[in-house]
N, C-alpha and C. Protein backbone atom coordinates (compact mmCIF):
# COMPACT_ATOMS: atom_id res chain seq x y z
N MET A 1 -60.62 2.15 -42.73
CA MET A 1 -60.43 3.43 -42.05
C MET A 1 -60.77 4.56 -43.04
N GLU A 2 -61.49 5.51 -42.59
CA GLU A 2 -61.94 6.61 -43.42
C GLU A 2 -60.82 7.61 -43.70
N ARG A 3 -60.80 8.16 -44.92
CA ARG A 3 -59.77 9.14 -45.24
C ARG A 3 -60.03 10.42 -44.46
N TYR A 4 -58.99 10.98 -43.93
CA TYR A 4 -59.09 12.18 -43.11
C TYR A 4 -58.82 13.41 -43.95
N SER A 5 -57.69 13.41 -44.67
CA SER A 5 -57.34 14.56 -45.48
C SER A 5 -56.15 14.24 -46.36
N LYS A 6 -56.06 14.97 -47.43
CA LYS A 6 -54.86 14.91 -48.27
C LYS A 6 -53.93 16.02 -47.82
N GLY A 7 -52.66 15.83 -48.11
CA GLY A 7 -51.68 16.84 -47.76
C GLY A 7 -50.64 16.96 -48.84
N GLN A 8 -49.96 18.09 -48.83
CA GLN A 8 -48.91 18.31 -49.82
C GLN A 8 -48.00 19.44 -49.36
N CYS A 9 -46.84 19.50 -49.99
CA CYS A 9 -45.93 20.61 -49.73
C CYS A 9 -46.45 21.84 -50.46
N GLU A 10 -45.72 22.93 -50.36
CA GLU A 10 -46.17 24.19 -50.94
C GLU A 10 -46.39 24.11 -52.45
N CYS A 11 -45.52 23.40 -53.18
CA CYS A 11 -45.65 23.34 -54.65
C CYS A 11 -46.50 22.17 -55.13
N GLY A 12 -46.82 21.23 -54.25
CA GLY A 12 -47.66 20.10 -54.62
C GLY A 12 -46.91 18.86 -55.08
N HIS A 13 -45.58 18.94 -55.18
CA HIS A 13 -44.78 17.79 -55.62
C HIS A 13 -44.85 16.64 -54.60
N VAL A 14 -44.78 16.97 -53.33
CA VAL A 14 -44.87 15.97 -52.26
C VAL A 14 -46.34 15.86 -51.87
N GLN A 15 -46.89 14.65 -51.99
CA GLN A 15 -48.28 14.43 -51.62
C GLN A 15 -48.38 13.23 -50.69
N PHE A 16 -49.32 13.30 -49.77
CA PHE A 16 -49.53 12.23 -48.80
C PHE A 16 -50.99 12.25 -48.37
N GLU A 17 -51.40 11.22 -47.66
CA GLU A 17 -52.75 11.16 -47.10
C GLU A 17 -52.66 10.94 -45.61
N VAL A 18 -53.58 11.57 -44.90
CA VAL A 18 -53.67 11.41 -43.46
C VAL A 18 -54.97 10.70 -43.14
N LYS A 19 -54.85 9.62 -42.38
CA LYS A 19 -56.03 8.85 -41.95
C LYS A 19 -55.99 8.81 -40.43
N GLY A 20 -57.12 8.81 -39.81
CA GLY A 20 -57.15 8.79 -38.36
C GLY A 20 -57.13 10.19 -37.80
N LYS A 21 -57.14 10.25 -36.49
CA LYS A 21 -57.19 11.54 -35.81
C LYS A 21 -55.81 12.01 -35.40
N ALA A 22 -55.67 13.31 -35.35
CA ALA A 22 -54.41 13.90 -34.88
C ALA A 22 -54.24 13.60 -33.40
N LEU A 23 -53.01 13.39 -32.99
CA LEU A 23 -52.69 13.17 -31.58
C LEU A 23 -52.48 14.49 -30.85
N LEU A 24 -51.92 15.46 -31.54
CA LEU A 24 -51.52 16.70 -30.89
C LEU A 24 -51.23 17.75 -31.94
N ARG A 25 -51.55 18.99 -31.60
CA ARG A 25 -51.15 20.13 -32.43
C ARG A 25 -50.58 21.19 -31.49
N GLY A 26 -49.49 21.81 -31.90
CA GLY A 26 -48.88 22.84 -31.08
C GLY A 26 -47.89 23.67 -31.86
N TYR A 27 -47.32 24.62 -31.16
CA TYR A 27 -46.33 25.52 -31.74
C TYR A 27 -44.97 25.24 -31.10
N CYS A 28 -43.96 25.07 -31.93
CA CYS A 28 -42.61 24.84 -31.43
C CYS A 28 -41.72 26.01 -31.83
N HIS A 29 -41.02 26.55 -30.85
CA HIS A 29 -40.15 27.71 -31.05
C HIS A 29 -38.67 27.33 -30.98
N CYS A 30 -38.34 26.04 -31.02
CA CYS A 30 -36.93 25.66 -30.91
C CYS A 30 -36.15 26.17 -32.11
N THR A 31 -34.87 26.32 -31.95
CA THR A 31 -34.05 26.87 -33.03
C THR A 31 -34.00 25.94 -34.24
N ILE A 32 -34.15 24.64 -34.03
CA ILE A 32 -34.17 23.72 -35.17
C ILE A 32 -35.44 23.94 -36.00
N CYS A 33 -36.59 24.06 -35.34
CA CYS A 33 -37.83 24.33 -36.07
C CYS A 33 -37.76 25.68 -36.78
N GLN A 34 -37.15 26.67 -36.14
CA GLN A 34 -37.00 27.97 -36.79
C GLN A 34 -36.18 27.84 -38.07
N GLU A 35 -35.05 27.11 -37.97
CA GLU A 35 -34.19 26.93 -39.15
C GLU A 35 -34.89 26.10 -40.23
N PHE A 36 -35.46 24.98 -39.83
CA PHE A 36 -36.09 24.07 -40.79
C PHE A 36 -37.25 24.75 -41.53
N ASN A 37 -38.07 25.51 -40.80
CA ASN A 37 -39.24 26.15 -41.38
C ASN A 37 -38.98 27.55 -41.91
N GLN A 38 -37.78 28.09 -41.65
CA GLN A 38 -37.47 29.46 -42.02
C GLN A 38 -38.58 30.40 -41.54
N ALA A 39 -38.91 30.23 -40.25
CA ALA A 39 -39.99 31.00 -39.63
C ALA A 39 -39.69 31.17 -38.14
N SER A 40 -40.47 32.00 -37.49
CA SER A 40 -40.25 32.26 -36.06
C SER A 40 -40.61 31.05 -35.20
N HIS A 41 -41.49 30.18 -35.73
CA HIS A 41 -41.89 28.97 -35.01
C HIS A 41 -42.58 28.02 -35.99
N ALA A 42 -42.86 26.84 -35.53
CA ALA A 42 -43.55 25.84 -36.37
C ALA A 42 -44.91 25.55 -35.78
N ASP A 43 -45.92 25.51 -36.64
CA ASP A 43 -47.26 25.04 -36.29
C ASP A 43 -47.31 23.60 -36.79
N ILE A 44 -47.28 22.64 -35.87
CA ILE A 44 -47.16 21.23 -36.26
C ILE A 44 -48.32 20.40 -35.71
N THR A 45 -48.65 19.37 -36.46
CA THR A 45 -49.67 18.42 -36.04
C THR A 45 -49.06 17.03 -36.11
N LEU A 46 -49.27 16.24 -35.06
CA LEU A 46 -48.68 14.90 -34.97
C LEU A 46 -49.74 13.83 -35.15
N PHE A 47 -49.33 12.76 -35.85
CA PHE A 47 -50.19 11.61 -36.12
C PHE A 47 -49.40 10.34 -35.86
N ARG A 48 -50.10 9.25 -35.61
CA ARG A 48 -49.46 7.94 -35.60
C ARG A 48 -48.98 7.66 -37.02
N ALA A 49 -47.82 7.06 -37.16
CA ALA A 49 -47.28 6.77 -38.49
C ALA A 49 -48.22 5.86 -39.27
N LYS A 50 -48.88 4.95 -38.59
CA LYS A 50 -49.79 4.02 -39.27
C LYS A 50 -50.99 4.75 -39.87
N ASP A 51 -51.24 5.99 -39.47
CA ASP A 51 -52.36 6.76 -39.97
C ASP A 51 -51.98 7.72 -41.10
N VAL A 52 -50.75 7.60 -41.61
CA VAL A 52 -50.30 8.47 -42.69
C VAL A 52 -49.76 7.62 -43.83
N VAL A 53 -50.26 7.87 -45.02
CA VAL A 53 -49.71 7.26 -46.22
C VAL A 53 -48.61 8.21 -46.69
N MET A 54 -47.38 7.78 -46.51
CA MET A 54 -46.22 8.65 -46.76
C MET A 54 -46.07 8.97 -48.25
N PRO A 55 -45.35 10.05 -48.55
CA PRO A 55 -45.13 10.46 -49.94
C PRO A 55 -44.30 9.42 -50.71
N LYS A 56 -44.37 9.54 -52.03
CA LYS A 56 -43.58 8.66 -52.89
C LYS A 56 -42.10 8.83 -52.60
N GLU A 57 -41.39 7.73 -52.63
CA GLU A 57 -39.94 7.76 -52.40
C GLU A 57 -39.28 8.67 -53.44
N GLY A 58 -38.31 9.43 -52.98
CA GLY A 58 -37.58 10.33 -53.86
C GLY A 58 -38.15 11.73 -53.96
N THR A 59 -39.35 11.96 -53.39
CA THR A 59 -39.94 13.29 -53.45
C THR A 59 -39.54 14.15 -52.25
N VAL A 60 -39.02 13.50 -51.21
CA VAL A 60 -38.65 14.20 -49.98
C VAL A 60 -37.19 13.92 -49.67
N GLU A 61 -36.48 14.96 -49.30
CA GLU A 61 -35.10 14.81 -48.84
C GLU A 61 -35.10 15.02 -47.32
N TYR A 62 -34.68 13.98 -46.58
CA TYR A 62 -34.71 14.03 -45.13
C TYR A 62 -33.35 14.44 -44.58
N LYS A 63 -33.41 15.16 -43.47
CA LYS A 63 -32.20 15.61 -42.78
C LYS A 63 -32.44 15.48 -41.28
N THR A 64 -31.40 15.10 -40.55
CA THR A 64 -31.47 15.10 -39.09
C THR A 64 -30.55 16.21 -38.59
N TYR A 65 -30.97 16.85 -37.53
CA TYR A 65 -30.23 17.99 -37.01
C TYR A 65 -29.48 17.67 -35.73
N THR A 66 -29.84 16.57 -35.07
CA THR A 66 -29.20 16.22 -33.81
C THR A 66 -28.87 14.73 -33.80
N SER A 67 -28.04 14.35 -32.88
CA SER A 67 -27.69 12.96 -32.69
C SER A 67 -28.14 12.55 -31.30
N PRO A 68 -28.77 11.42 -31.12
CA PRO A 68 -29.09 10.44 -32.14
C PRO A 68 -30.19 10.97 -33.06
N PRO A 69 -30.25 10.45 -34.27
CA PRO A 69 -31.22 10.96 -35.24
C PRO A 69 -32.63 10.44 -34.99
N LEU A 70 -33.34 11.07 -34.07
CA LEU A 70 -34.69 10.64 -33.72
C LEU A 70 -35.75 11.29 -34.60
N VAL A 71 -35.50 12.52 -35.03
CA VAL A 71 -36.45 13.26 -35.86
C VAL A 71 -35.82 13.45 -37.24
N HIS A 72 -36.55 12.98 -38.26
CA HIS A 72 -36.10 13.10 -39.65
C HIS A 72 -37.00 14.13 -40.32
N ARG A 73 -36.43 15.29 -40.61
CA ARG A 73 -37.21 16.40 -41.15
C ARG A 73 -37.07 16.42 -42.66
N GLY A 74 -38.22 16.40 -43.34
CA GLY A 74 -38.20 16.28 -44.79
C GLY A 74 -38.67 17.51 -45.53
N LYS A 75 -37.88 17.87 -46.54
CA LYS A 75 -38.24 18.97 -47.44
C LYS A 75 -38.46 18.43 -48.84
N CYS A 76 -39.31 19.10 -49.58
CA CYS A 76 -39.60 18.74 -50.96
C CYS A 76 -38.33 18.87 -51.80
N THR A 77 -38.12 17.92 -52.68
CA THR A 77 -36.93 17.96 -53.54
C THR A 77 -37.07 19.00 -54.65
N VAL A 78 -38.27 19.57 -54.85
CA VAL A 78 -38.48 20.57 -55.90
C VAL A 78 -38.50 21.99 -55.31
N CYS A 79 -39.42 22.27 -54.38
CA CYS A 79 -39.54 23.63 -53.83
C CYS A 79 -38.67 23.84 -52.59
N HIS A 80 -38.16 22.76 -52.01
CA HIS A 80 -37.27 22.81 -50.84
C HIS A 80 -37.95 23.41 -49.61
N LYS A 81 -39.27 23.30 -49.54
CA LYS A 81 -40.04 23.75 -48.39
C LYS A 81 -40.35 22.54 -47.49
N PRO A 82 -40.58 22.77 -46.20
CA PRO A 82 -40.93 21.67 -45.30
C PRO A 82 -42.13 20.89 -45.82
N ALA A 83 -42.01 19.56 -45.82
CA ALA A 83 -43.07 18.72 -46.35
C ALA A 83 -43.67 17.83 -45.27
N ILE A 84 -42.82 17.02 -44.63
CA ILE A 84 -43.29 16.03 -43.67
C ILE A 84 -42.08 15.57 -42.86
N GLU A 85 -42.33 15.14 -41.64
CA GLU A 85 -41.25 14.65 -40.77
C GLU A 85 -41.71 13.35 -40.13
N TYR A 86 -40.74 12.53 -39.74
CA TYR A 86 -41.12 11.36 -38.95
C TYR A 86 -40.20 11.23 -37.76
N VAL A 87 -40.75 10.64 -36.70
CA VAL A 87 -40.06 10.54 -35.42
C VAL A 87 -40.00 9.07 -35.02
N ALA A 88 -38.82 8.62 -34.66
CA ALA A 88 -38.63 7.25 -34.19
C ALA A 88 -37.99 7.31 -32.80
N LEU A 89 -38.83 7.35 -31.77
CA LEU A 89 -38.36 7.39 -30.39
C LEU A 89 -38.31 5.97 -29.84
N PRO A 90 -37.28 5.64 -29.07
CA PRO A 90 -37.23 4.30 -28.48
C PRO A 90 -38.46 4.03 -27.61
N LEU A 91 -38.99 2.84 -27.72
CA LEU A 91 -40.12 2.36 -26.93
C LEU A 91 -41.43 3.08 -27.22
N MET A 92 -41.50 3.85 -28.28
CA MET A 92 -42.73 4.58 -28.63
C MET A 92 -43.13 4.21 -30.05
N PRO A 93 -44.43 4.25 -30.33
CA PRO A 93 -44.85 4.05 -31.72
C PRO A 93 -44.28 5.17 -32.60
N LYS A 94 -44.02 4.87 -33.85
CA LYS A 94 -43.50 5.89 -34.76
C LYS A 94 -44.56 6.96 -34.98
N LEU A 95 -44.08 8.19 -35.12
CA LEU A 95 -44.94 9.35 -35.30
C LEU A 95 -44.61 10.05 -36.61
N VAL A 96 -45.59 10.75 -37.15
CA VAL A 96 -45.37 11.63 -38.29
C VAL A 96 -45.76 13.03 -37.85
N VAL A 97 -44.89 13.98 -38.15
CA VAL A 97 -45.12 15.38 -37.83
C VAL A 97 -45.35 16.11 -39.16
N ILE A 98 -46.45 16.82 -39.22
CA ILE A 98 -46.78 17.51 -40.46
C ILE A 98 -46.95 19.00 -40.16
N PRO A 99 -46.27 19.85 -40.95
CA PRO A 99 -46.57 21.28 -40.82
C PRO A 99 -48.06 21.46 -41.10
N THR A 100 -48.78 22.06 -40.17
CA THR A 100 -50.23 22.13 -40.24
C THR A 100 -50.70 22.73 -41.56
N ALA A 101 -50.00 23.69 -42.09
CA ALA A 101 -50.39 24.33 -43.35
C ALA A 101 -50.37 23.35 -44.53
N ASN A 102 -49.68 22.21 -44.39
CA ASN A 102 -49.60 21.23 -45.47
C ASN A 102 -50.79 20.27 -45.49
N ILE A 103 -51.67 20.37 -44.52
CA ILE A 103 -52.86 19.53 -44.47
C ILE A 103 -53.99 20.31 -45.13
N GLN A 104 -54.50 19.78 -46.24
CA GLN A 104 -55.46 20.54 -47.04
C GLN A 104 -56.76 20.82 -46.33
N ASP A 105 -57.33 19.85 -45.64
CA ASP A 105 -58.59 20.07 -44.92
C ASP A 105 -58.27 20.13 -43.43
N SER A 106 -58.08 21.33 -42.96
CA SER A 106 -57.70 21.50 -41.55
C SER A 106 -58.92 21.69 -40.64
N SER A 107 -60.12 21.56 -41.19
CA SER A 107 -61.33 21.84 -40.42
C SER A 107 -61.52 20.90 -39.23
N GLN A 108 -61.00 19.67 -39.32
CA GLN A 108 -61.17 18.72 -38.22
C GLN A 108 -59.93 18.58 -37.35
N LEU A 109 -58.94 19.41 -37.59
CA LEU A 109 -57.74 19.34 -36.76
C LEU A 109 -58.02 19.94 -35.39
N PRO A 110 -57.33 19.44 -34.38
CA PRO A 110 -57.51 20.04 -33.05
C PRO A 110 -56.92 21.45 -33.00
N LYS A 111 -57.38 22.21 -32.06
CA LYS A 111 -56.79 23.53 -31.81
C LYS A 111 -55.40 23.32 -31.21
N PRO A 112 -54.47 24.24 -31.43
CA PRO A 112 -53.15 24.11 -30.80
C PRO A 112 -53.29 24.06 -29.28
N LYS A 113 -52.43 23.25 -28.64
CA LYS A 113 -52.48 23.07 -27.18
C LYS A 113 -51.48 23.91 -26.42
N MET A 114 -50.36 24.28 -27.08
CA MET A 114 -49.27 24.89 -26.31
C MET A 114 -48.20 25.48 -27.22
N HIS A 115 -47.34 26.23 -26.60
CA HIS A 115 -46.08 26.68 -27.20
C HIS A 115 -44.97 25.97 -26.43
N ILE A 116 -44.04 25.35 -27.14
CA ILE A 116 -42.90 24.73 -26.46
C ILE A 116 -41.61 25.40 -26.92
N PHE A 117 -40.60 25.29 -26.09
CA PHE A 117 -39.30 25.94 -26.31
C PHE A 117 -39.49 27.45 -26.50
N TYR A 118 -40.41 28.00 -25.71
CA TYR A 118 -40.76 29.42 -25.83
C TYR A 118 -39.57 30.32 -25.47
N HIS A 119 -38.63 29.81 -24.70
CA HIS A 119 -37.45 30.59 -24.35
C HIS A 119 -36.60 30.91 -25.59
N SER A 120 -36.79 30.16 -26.68
CA SER A 120 -36.04 30.39 -27.92
C SER A 120 -36.80 31.27 -28.91
N ARG A 121 -37.94 31.78 -28.51
CA ARG A 121 -38.78 32.55 -29.43
C ARG A 121 -38.02 33.77 -29.98
N VAL A 122 -38.41 34.16 -31.18
CA VAL A 122 -37.85 35.37 -31.76
C VAL A 122 -38.84 36.53 -31.66
N ALA A 123 -40.08 36.20 -31.30
CA ALA A 123 -41.11 37.23 -31.08
C ALA A 123 -42.11 36.69 -30.07
N ASP A 124 -42.64 37.59 -29.25
CA ASP A 124 -43.68 37.20 -28.30
C ASP A 124 -44.96 36.85 -29.06
N VAL A 125 -45.73 35.94 -28.49
CA VAL A 125 -47.01 35.55 -29.07
C VAL A 125 -48.09 35.89 -28.05
N ASP A 126 -49.07 36.64 -28.48
CA ASP A 126 -50.13 37.09 -27.57
C ASP A 126 -51.35 36.18 -27.74
N ASP A 127 -51.35 35.07 -27.01
CA ASP A 127 -52.51 34.19 -26.96
C ASP A 127 -52.58 33.58 -25.56
N ALA A 128 -53.64 32.85 -25.31
CA ALA A 128 -53.87 32.30 -23.97
C ALA A 128 -53.28 30.90 -23.78
N LEU A 129 -52.59 30.37 -24.77
CA LEU A 129 -52.02 29.03 -24.66
C LEU A 129 -50.87 29.01 -23.66
N PRO A 130 -50.67 27.86 -22.99
CA PRO A 130 -49.51 27.74 -22.10
C PRO A 130 -48.22 27.86 -22.91
N LYS A 131 -47.24 28.51 -22.31
CA LYS A 131 -45.94 28.72 -22.97
C LYS A 131 -44.87 28.11 -22.08
N TYR A 132 -44.29 27.02 -22.57
CA TYR A 132 -43.29 26.28 -21.79
C TYR A 132 -41.90 26.71 -22.21
N GLN A 133 -41.09 27.02 -21.19
CA GLN A 133 -39.73 27.47 -21.43
C GLN A 133 -38.76 26.46 -20.86
N GLY A 134 -37.64 26.30 -21.52
CA GLY A 134 -36.63 25.36 -21.08
C GLY A 134 -36.84 23.99 -21.71
N TYR A 135 -35.77 23.27 -21.85
CA TYR A 135 -35.81 21.96 -22.52
C TYR A 135 -36.69 20.98 -21.77
N LEU A 136 -36.44 20.80 -20.48
CA LEU A 136 -37.17 19.80 -19.71
C LEU A 136 -38.67 20.10 -19.63
N LYS A 137 -39.03 21.34 -19.29
CA LYS A 137 -40.44 21.70 -19.19
C LYS A 137 -41.14 21.54 -20.54
N SER A 138 -40.46 21.91 -21.63
CA SER A 138 -41.04 21.78 -22.96
C SER A 138 -41.25 20.31 -23.31
N GLN A 139 -40.26 19.48 -23.05
CA GLN A 139 -40.38 18.05 -23.37
C GLN A 139 -41.46 17.39 -22.52
N LEU A 140 -41.53 17.70 -21.25
CA LEU A 140 -42.55 17.11 -20.38
C LEU A 140 -43.96 17.52 -20.83
N ALA A 141 -44.14 18.78 -21.18
CA ALA A 141 -45.44 19.24 -21.65
C ALA A 141 -45.81 18.56 -22.96
N PHE A 142 -44.85 18.46 -23.85
CA PHE A 142 -45.09 17.83 -25.15
C PHE A 142 -45.48 16.36 -24.97
N PHE A 143 -44.69 15.61 -24.22
CA PHE A 143 -44.98 14.18 -24.05
C PHE A 143 -46.25 13.94 -23.24
N GLY A 144 -46.54 14.80 -22.29
CA GLY A 144 -47.79 14.68 -21.54
C GLY A 144 -49.00 14.86 -22.44
N SER A 145 -48.97 15.86 -23.30
CA SER A 145 -50.07 16.08 -24.24
C SER A 145 -50.14 14.98 -25.29
N LEU A 146 -48.99 14.50 -25.71
CA LEU A 146 -48.96 13.41 -26.69
C LEU A 146 -49.60 12.15 -26.11
N LEU A 147 -49.28 11.82 -24.86
CA LEU A 147 -49.88 10.66 -24.23
C LEU A 147 -51.39 10.80 -24.11
N LYS A 148 -51.86 12.01 -23.81
CA LYS A 148 -53.31 12.25 -23.75
C LYS A 148 -53.94 12.01 -25.11
N GLY A 149 -53.21 12.40 -26.19
CA GLY A 149 -53.71 12.17 -27.54
C GLY A 149 -53.83 10.70 -27.87
N TYR A 150 -52.91 9.89 -27.36
CA TYR A 150 -52.98 8.45 -27.58
C TYR A 150 -54.19 7.84 -26.91
N VAL A 151 -54.53 8.36 -25.74
CA VAL A 151 -55.63 7.80 -24.94
C VAL A 151 -56.99 8.14 -25.57
N LYS A 152 -57.12 9.29 -26.18
CA LYS A 152 -58.41 9.72 -26.76
C LYS A 152 -58.80 8.88 -27.94
């Protein structure tokens, strides 16, 4: 499999490689993403876990924000900035979520598809992307786009 891109956290302590194509890219406005990223929203890109060479053990500190712990959000142990996340959903292949800015060569990444959890936004976004509000609508839009990414 051909190398897609290298990635790292803001300070470079956490390093990883991405192989394969992205499944989905979008903006999340949920309060957890706001807190985790210390930003108004998260620009995230999702990959199959098998397509990511994860960082060295001990370079990332993972935290879960909800129960059950389906999403493990990782920050660099040095700069404490978002580095990489992984998702373990029942009956689904494992996923890796990467803050898009942490992918060094973003030239081949897909364009963002949507805004989810837009009802939690802290500022309006003026673009033509669909903006899903509410938990159910956001989750349905996310999983629908994710499934399309698997098929491509």
